[in-house]
């Protein structure tokens, strides 16, 4: 894996691909966070967990972002909350998974801890 055949020798592929064409070293599959462009793996936009066809065409989002589909592409919109530490994208909206100190999570929302 990661080599191409050159005559009777094997040459190491230099592209950072998950899977290669064994005859040419062209990428056929990229690692998460990358997409194929000109037969090479290229980084997705930093908010995208996965993307396709271009860096800012997100398929899934990283933590603290939620997915929104437009006519042209998929986008990752930042979740903002003064009480939430970590969110997940569930049903294309921000759901709180972990709250900041002094708050607890209940049904994906943060509530102040009262002593």
Protein backbone atom coordinates (compact mmCIF):
# COMPACT_ATOMS: atom_id res chain seq x y z
CA UNK A 1 0.00 0.00 0.00
CA UNK A 2 1.40 3.42 -0.92
CA UNK A 3 3.57 2.23 -3.81
CA UNK A 4 3.22 2.23 -7.60
CA UNK A 5 4.75 -0.15 -10.11
CA UNK A 6 7.43 1.40 -12.32
CA UNK A 7 8.71 -1.27 -14.69
CA UNK A 8 9.87 -3.98 -12.29
CA UNK A 9 10.43 -1.63 -9.31
CA UNK A 10 8.05 -0.22 -6.73
CA UNK A 11 8.15 3.54 -6.19
CA UNK A 12 6.82 5.09 -2.98
CA UNK A 13 3.84 7.37 -3.59
CA UNK A 14 4.42 10.89 -2.26
CA UNK A 15 0.78 12.04 -2.03
CA UNK A 16 -0.89 11.73 1.37
CA UNK A 17 -3.75 9.49 0.30
CA UNK A 18 -5.61 6.74 2.10
CA UNK A 19 -5.78 4.69 -1.11
CA UNK A 20 -3.77 5.01 -4.33
CA UNK A 21 -4.04 3.84 -7.93
CA UNK A 22 -1.23 1.25 -7.94
CA UNK A 23 -0.21 2.14 -11.49
CA UNK A 24 0.08 5.89 -11.10
CA UNK A 25 0.05 6.96 -7.40
CA UNK A 26 -3.09 8.99 -8.14
CA UNK A 27 -5.31 9.30 -5.08
CA UNK A 28 -8.56 7.34 -5.16
CA UNK A 29 -9.49 7.93 -1.51
CA UNK A 30 -8.39 10.57 1.00
CA UNK A 31 -8.14 10.61 4.77
CA UNK A 32 -10.84 12.40 6.77
CA UNK A 33 -10.47 16.18 6.42
CA UNK A 34 -9.21 16.00 2.82
CA UNK A 35 -10.74 15.72 -0.67
CA UNK A 36 -9.40 14.75 -4.10
CA UNK A 37 -8.32 17.60 -6.38
CA UNK A 38 -6.16 16.98 -9.46
CA UNK A 39 -5.60 13.37 -8.31
CA UNK A 40 -4.10 14.54 -4.98
CA UNK A 41 -5.53 14.92 -1.47
CA UNK A 42 -6.06 18.52 -0.41
CA UNK A 43 -7.16 19.85 3.00
CA UNK A 44 -10.81 20.71 3.61
CA UNK A 45 -11.70 24.08 5.11
CA UNK A 46 -10.85 24.03 8.83
CA UNK A 47 -14.53 23.93 9.92
CA UNK A 48 -15.29 20.82 7.82
CA UNK A 49 -14.79 17.32 9.20
CA UNK A 50 -15.26 15.97 5.65
CA UNK A 51 -15.74 17.71 2.30
CA UNK A 52 -15.91 16.99 -1.43
CA UNK A 53 -15.11 18.67 -4.76
CA UNK A 54 -13.73 21.83 -3.08
CA UNK A 55 -12.32 22.81 0.33
CA UNK A 56 -15.41 24.72 1.47
CA UNK A 57 -18.04 22.19 0.30
CA UNK A 58 -18.55 20.47 3.66
CA UNK A 59 -20.30 17.12 4.06
CA UNK A 60 -19.92 16.96 7.85
CA UNK A 61 -18.69 19.45 10.45
CA UNK A 62 -16.18 19.47 13.29
CA UNK A 63 -17.33 19.82 16.90
CA UNK A 64 -18.88 23.19 17.78
CA UNK A 65 -20.20 23.67 14.23
CA UNK A 66 -23.49 22.65 12.62
CA UNK A 67 -24.19 21.71 9.01
CA UNK A 68 -26.25 23.90 6.69
CA UNK A 69 -26.88 23.06 3.02
CA UNK A 70 -27.19 25.91 0.52
CA UNK A 71 -27.94 25.63 -3.20
CA UNK A 72 -24.23 25.65 -4.05
CA UNK A 73 -22.58 23.74 -1.19
CA UNK A 74 -22.63 22.52 2.40
CA UNK A 75 -21.42 24.94 5.06
CA UNK A 76 -20.41 24.62 8.70
CA UNK A 77 -21.76 27.38 10.91
CA UNK A 78 -20.18 28.03 14.30
CA UNK A 79 -22.27 27.30 17.38
CA UNK A 80 -22.16 30.09 19.92
CA UNK A 81 -23.18 29.89 23.56
CA UNK A 82 -21.91 31.61 26.67
CA UNK A 83 -22.60 28.50 28.79
CA UNK A 84 -21.79 25.57 26.48
CA UNK A 85 -18.25 24.17 26.19
CA UNK A 86 -18.76 21.51 23.50
CA UNK A 87 -21.58 21.08 20.99
CA UNK A 88 -22.46 18.44 18.42
CA UNK A 89 -24.39 18.79 15.18
CA UNK A 90 -27.60 16.86 15.57
CA UNK A 91 -30.47 17.35 13.13
CA UNK A 92 -28.59 20.36 11.67
CA UNK A 93 -28.58 22.36 14.88
CA UNK A 94 -26.22 22.84 17.80
CA UNK A 95 -26.80 20.50 20.72
CA UNK A 96 -24.76 21.05 23.87
CA UNK A 97 -22.81 18.03 25.07
CA UNK A 98 -20.62 19.63 27.76
CA UNK A 99 -21.23 22.81 29.74
CA UNK A 100 -18.76 25.33 31.12
CA UNK A 101 -17.85 25.28 34.82
CA UNK A 102 -20.80 26.14 37.04
CA UNK A 103 -23.35 24.67 34.59
CA UNK A 104 -24.78 21.22 33.91
CA UNK A 105 -26.27 19.76 30.74
CA UNK A 106 -29.86 18.54 30.54
CA UNK A 107 -31.51 17.68 27.24
CA UNK A 108 -28.66 19.36 25.30
CA UNK A 109 -29.03 22.66 27.21
CA UNK A 110 -26.91 24.19 29.97
CA UNK A 111 -28.40 25.21 33.29
CA UNK A 112 -26.68 26.98 36.16
CA UNK A 113 -25.65 24.75 39.03
CA UNK A 114 -27.37 25.96 42.23
CA UNK A 115 -25.85 24.92 45.55
